[in-house]
């Protein structure tokens, strides 16, 4: 995950990957993804993406 973070400073997860994974794994997996996205958004609020 750290390697991904270094590449995508503001967007840790690829939106297209999230969509595809949500199709493959609906339900609990989607809920866990949403929680992960929320955590990333909170992290992004603390770290400005303007750098």
PDB file of N, CA and C in Angstrom:
ATOM      1  N   UNK A   1       0.828  -1.197   0.000  1.00  0.00           N
ATOM      2  CA  UNK A   1       0.000   0.000   0.000  1.00  0.00           C
ATOM      3  C   UNK A   1       0.869   1.257   0.000  1.00  0.00           C
ATOM      4  N   UNK A   2       2.010   1.193   0.673  1.00  0.00           N
ATOM      5  CA  UNK A   2       2.894   2.353   0.720  1.00  0.00           C
ATOM      6  C   UNK A   2       3.423   2.704  -0.665  1.00  0.00           C
ATOM      7  N   UNK A   3       3.697   1.679  -1.468  1.00  0.00           N
ATOM      8  CA  UNK A   3       4.205   1.921  -2.815  1.00  0.00           C
ATOM      9  C   UNK A   3       3.146   2.634  -3.646  1.00  0.00           C
ATOM     10  N   UNK A   4       1.885   2.194  -3.500  1.00  0.00           N
ATOM     11  CA  UNK A   4       0.792   2.842  -4.220  1.00  0.00           C
ATOM     12  C   UNK A   4       0.653   4.288  -3.783  1.00  0.00           C
ATOM     13  N   UNK A   5       0.776   4.511  -2.478  1.00  0.00           N
ATOM     14  CA  UNK A   5       0.611   5.853  -1.939  1.00  0.00           C
ATOM     15  C   UNK A   5       1.645   6.799  -2.530  1.00  0.00           C
ATOM     16  N   UNK A   6       2.877   6.323  -2.730  1.00  0.00           N
ATOM     17  CA  UNK A   6       3.925   7.189  -3.252  1.00  0.00           C
ATOM     18  C   UNK A   6       3.629   7.590  -4.697  1.00  0.00           C
ATOM     19  N   UNK A   7       2.904   6.732  -5.415  1.00  0.00           N
ATOM     20  CA  UNK A   7       2.558   7.035  -6.802  1.00  0.00           C
ATOM     21  C   UNK A   7       1.345   7.951  -6.859  1.00  0.00           C
ATOM     22  N   UNK A   8       0.309   7.601  -6.088  1.00  0.00           N
ATOM     23  CA  UNK A   8      -0.919   8.400  -6.083  1.00  0.00           C
ATOM     24  C   UNK A   8      -0.993   9.159  -4.766  1.00  0.00           C
ATOM     25  N   UNK A   9      -0.478  10.389  -4.763  1.00  0.00           N
ATOM     26  CA  UNK A   9      -0.430  11.145  -3.518  1.00  0.00           C
ATOM     27  C   UNK A   9      -1.831  11.445  -3.001  1.00  0.00           C
ATOM     28  N   UNK A  10      -2.731  11.797  -3.913  1.00  0.00           N
ATOM     29  CA  UNK A  10      -4.067  12.206  -3.495  1.00  0.00           C
ATOM     30  C   UNK A  10      -5.078  11.075  -3.640  1.00  0.00           C
ATOM     31  N   UNK A  11      -4.839  10.177  -4.576  1.00  0.00           N
ATOM     32  CA  UNK A  11      -5.792   9.098  -4.818  1.00  0.00           C
ATOM     33  C   UNK A  11      -5.092   7.765  -4.653  1.00  0.00           C
ATOM     34  N   UNK A  12      -5.268   7.173  -3.476  1.00  0.00           N
ATOM     35  CA  UNK A  12      -4.568   5.926  -3.179  1.00  0.00           C
ATOM     36  C   UNK A  12      -5.132   4.787  -4.017  1.00  0.00           C
ATOM     37  N   UNK A  13      -6.463   4.816  -4.224  1.00  0.00           N
ATOM     38  CA  UNK A  13      -7.107   3.740  -4.964  1.00  0.00           C
ATOM     39  C   UNK A  13      -7.555   4.220  -6.333  1.00  0.00           C
ATOM     40  N   UNK A  14      -7.361   3.383  -7.342  1.00  0.00           N
ATOM     41  CA  UNK A  14      -7.807   3.695  -8.696  1.00  0.00           C
ATOM     42  C   UNK A  14      -9.324   3.530  -8.772  1.00  0.00           C
ATOM     43  N   UNK A  15     -10.011   4.583  -9.223  1.00  0.00           N
ATOM     44  CA  UNK A  15     -11.476   4.551  -9.272  1.00  0.00           C
ATOM     45  C   UNK A  15     -11.964   3.381 -10.122  1.00  0.00           C
ATOM     46  N   UNK A  16     -11.332   3.138 -11.256  1.00  0.00           N
ATOM     47  CA  UNK A  16     -11.766   2.045 -12.131  1.00  0.00           C
ATOM     48  C   UNK A  16     -11.606   0.698 -11.432  1.00  0.00           C
ATOM     49  N   UNK A  17     -10.535   0.555 -10.679  1.00  0.00           N
ATOM     50  CA  UNK A  17     -10.314  -0.691  -9.940  1.00  0.00           C
ATOM     51  C   UNK A  17     -11.407  -0.884  -8.893  1.00  0.00           C
ATOM     52  N   UNK A  18     -11.789   0.212  -8.229  1.00  0.00           N
ATOM     53  CA  UNK A  18     -12.858   0.129  -7.225  1.00  0.00           C
ATOM     54  C   UNK A  18     -14.157  -0.326  -7.874  1.00  0.00           C
ATOM     55  N   UNK A  19     -14.467   0.247  -9.035  1.00  0.00           N
ATOM     56  CA  UNK A  19     -15.708  -0.114  -9.729  1.00  0.00           C
ATOM     57  C   UNK A  19     -15.699  -1.590 -10.103  1.00  0.00           C
ATOM     58  N   UNK A  20     -14.602  -2.055 -10.684  1.00  0.00           N
ATOM     59  CA  UNK A  20     -14.508  -3.458 -11.103  1.00  0.00           C
ATOM     60  C   UNK A  20     -14.586  -4.399  -9.902  1.00  0.00           C
ATOM     61  N   UNK A  21     -13.875  -4.053  -8.834  1.00  0.00           N
ATOM     62  CA  UNK A  21     -13.888  -4.901  -7.641  1.00  0.00           C
ATOM     63  C   UNK A  21     -15.267  -4.921  -7.005  1.00  0.00           C
ATOM     64  N   UNK A  22     -15.969  -3.791  -7.078  1.00  0.00           N
ATOM     65  CA  UNK A  22     -17.320  -3.733  -6.511  1.00  0.00           C
ATOM     66  C   UNK A  22     -18.264  -4.650  -7.277  1.00  0.00           C
ATOM     67  N   UNK A  23     -18.045  -4.774  -8.602  1.00  0.00           N
ATOM     68  CA  UNK A  23     -18.872  -5.684  -9.403  1.00  0.00           C
ATOM     69  C   UNK A  23     -18.593  -7.138  -9.014  1.00  0.00           C
ATOM     70  N   UNK A  24     -17.310  -7.438  -8.791  1.00  0.00           N
ATOM     71  CA  UNK A  24     -16.920  -8.810  -8.479  1.00  0.00           C
ATOM     72  C   UNK A  24     -17.296  -9.191  -7.054  1.00  0.00           C
ATOM     73  N   UNK A  25     -17.143  -8.251  -6.144  1.00  0.00           N
ATOM     74  CA  UNK A  25     -17.374  -8.544  -4.726  1.00  0.00           C
ATOM     75  C   UNK A  25     -18.359  -7.556  -4.120  1.00  0.00           C
ATOM     76  N   UNK A  26     -19.653  -7.736  -4.383  1.00  0.00           N
ATOM     77  CA  UNK A  26     -20.654  -6.837  -3.802  1.00  0.00           C
ATOM     78  C   UNK A  26     -20.829  -7.094  -2.311  1.00  0.00           C
ATOM     79  N   UNK A  27     -21.572  -6.222  -1.658  1.00  0.00           N
ATOM     80  CA  UNK A  27     -21.895  -6.459  -0.249  1.00  0.00           C
ATOM     81  C   UNK A  27     -20.813  -6.001   0.704  1.00  0.00           C
ATOM     82  N   UNK A  28     -20.326  -6.935   1.496  1.00  0.00           N
ATOM     83  CA  UNK A  28     -19.382  -6.604   2.568  1.00  0.00           C
ATOM     84  C   UNK A  28     -18.114  -5.966   2.000  1.00  0.00           C
ATOM     85  N   UNK A  29     -17.643  -6.475   0.854  1.00  0.00           N
ATOM     86  CA  UNK A  29     -16.421  -5.927   0.270  1.00  0.00           C
ATOM     87  C   UNK A  29     -16.621  -4.469  -0.113  1.00  0.00           C
ATOM     88  N   UNK A  30     -17.792  -4.163  -0.687  1.00  0.00           N
ATOM     89  CA  UNK A  30     -18.084  -2.787  -1.089  1.00  0.00           C
ATOM     90  C   UNK A  30     -18.127  -1.873   0.127  1.00  0.00           C
ATOM     91  N   UNK A  31     -18.713  -2.370   1.217  1.00  0.00           N
ATOM     92  CA  UNK A  31     -18.779  -1.561   2.440  1.00  0.00           C
ATOM     93  C   UNK A  31     -17.378  -1.297   2.976  1.00  0.00           C
ATOM     94  N   UNK A  32     -16.507  -2.311   2.918  1.00  0.00           N
ATOM     95  CA  UNK A  32     -15.144  -2.120   3.405  1.00  0.00           C
ATOM     96  C   UNK A  32     -14.393  -1.136   2.509  1.00  0.00           C
ATOM     97  N   UNK A  33     -14.676  -1.175   1.199  1.00  0.00           N
ATOM     98  CA  UNK A  33     -14.069  -0.218   0.278  1.00  0.00           C
ATOM     99  C   UNK A  33     -14.507   1.195   0.609  1.00  0.00           C
ATOM    100  N   UNK A  34     -15.795   1.366   0.878  1.00  0.00           N
ATOM    101  CA  UNK A  34     -16.306   2.694   1.202  1.00  0.00           C
ATOM    102  C   UNK A  34     -15.630   3.234   2.453  1.00  0.00           C
ATOM    103  N   UNK A  35     -15.428   2.369   3.440  1.00  0.00           N
ATOM    104  CA  UNK A  35     -14.741   2.782   4.662  1.00  0.00           C
ATOM    105  C   UNK A  35     -13.301   3.175   4.349  1.00  0.00           C
ATOM    106  N   UNK A  36     -12.662   2.422   3.453  1.00  0.00           N
ATOM    107  CA  UNK A  36     -11.288   2.703   3.069  1.00  0.00           C
ATOM    108  C   UNK A  36     -11.195   4.037   2.338  1.00  0.00           C
ATOM    109  N   UNK A  37     -12.147   4.279   1.431  1.00  0.00           N
ATOM    110  CA  UNK A  37     -12.172   5.543   0.693  1.00  0.00           C
ATOM    111  C   UNK A  37     -12.374   6.715   1.645  1.00  0.00           C
ATOM    112  N   UNK A  38     -13.274   6.541   2.608  1.00  0.00           N
ATOM    113  CA  UNK A  38     -13.503   7.610   3.595  1.00  0.00           C
ATOM    114  C   UNK A  38     -12.225   7.888   4.372  1.00  0.00           C
ATOM    115  N   UNK A  39     -11.501   6.845   4.740  1.00  0.00           N
ATOM    116  CA  UNK A  39     -10.252   7.016   5.475  1.00  0.00           C
ATOM    117  C   UNK A  39      -9.240   7.769   4.620  1.00  0.00           C
ATOM    118  N   UNK A  40      -9.189   7.445   3.327  1.00  0.00           N
ATOM    119  CA  UNK A  40      -8.269   8.124   2.423  1.00  0.00           C
ATOM    120  C   UNK A  40      -8.639   9.592   2.278  1.00  0.00           C
ATOM    121  N   UNK A  41      -9.936   9.882   2.193  1.00  0.00           N
ATOM    122  CA  UNK A  41     -10.386  11.262   2.062  1.00  0.00           C
ATOM    123  C   UNK A  41     -10.004  12.064   3.299  1.00  0.00           C
ATOM    124  N   UNK A  42     -10.175  11.464   4.479  1.00  0.00           N
ATOM    125  CA  UNK A  42      -9.805  12.138   5.721  1.00  0.00           C
ATOM    126  C   UNK A  42      -8.306  12.406   5.740  1.00  0.00           C
ATOM    127  N   UNK A  43      -7.532  11.458   5.255  1.00  0.00           N
ATOM    128  CA  UNK A  43      -6.084  11.611   5.208  1.00  0.00           C
ATOM    129  C   UNK A  43      -5.707  12.729   4.243  1.00  0.00           C
ATOM    130  N   UNK A  44      -6.405  12.783   3.104  1.00  0.00           N
ATOM    131  CA  UNK A  44      -6.132  13.808   2.106  1.00  0.00           C
ATOM    132  C   UNK A  44      -6.456  15.194   2.638  1.00  0.00           C
ATOM    133  N   UNK A  45      -7.472  15.295   3.486  1.00  0.00           N
ATOM    134  CA  UNK A  45      -7.823  16.587   4.066  1.00  0.00           C
ATOM    135  C   UNK A  45      -6.682  17.109   4.926  1.00  0.00           C
ATOM    136  N   UNK A  46      -5.970  16.188   5.572  1.00  0.00           N
ATOM    137  CA  UNK A  46      -4.871  16.590   6.441  1.00  0.00           C
ATOM    138  C   UNK A  46      -3.622  16.914   5.620  1.00  0.00           C
ATOM    139  N   UNK A  47      -3.422  16.182   4.539  1.00  0.00           N
ATOM    140  CA  UNK A  47      -2.257  16.408   3.680  1.00  0.00           C
ATOM    141  C   UNK A  47      -2.716  17.094   2.403  1.00  0.00           C
ATOM    142  N   UNK A  48      -2.316  18.336   2.214  1.00  0.00           N
ATOM    143  CA  UNK A  48      -2.753  19.077   1.033  1.00  0.00           C
ATOM    144  C   UNK A  48      -2.216  18.433  -0.233  1.00  0.00           C
ATOM    145  N   UNK A  49      -3.062  18.377  -1.265  1.00  0.00           N
ATOM    146  CA  UNK A  49      -2.650  17.784  -2.539  1.00  0.00           C
ATOM    147  C   UNK A  49      -2.033  18.827  -3.460  1.00  0.00           C
ATOM    148  N   UNK A  50      -1.882  20.049  -2.981  1.00  0.00           N
ATOM    149  CA  UNK A  50      -1.390  21.138  -3.831  1.00  0.00           C
ATOM    150  C   UNK A  50       0.118  21.091  -4.012  1.00  0.00           C
ATOM    151  N   UNK A  51       0.804  20.281  -3.204  1.00  0.00           N
ATOM    152  CA  UNK A  51       2.273  20.269  -3.247  1.00  0.00           C
ATOM    153  C   UNK A  51       2.798  19.836  -4.599  1.00  0.00           C
TER     154      UNK A  51
END
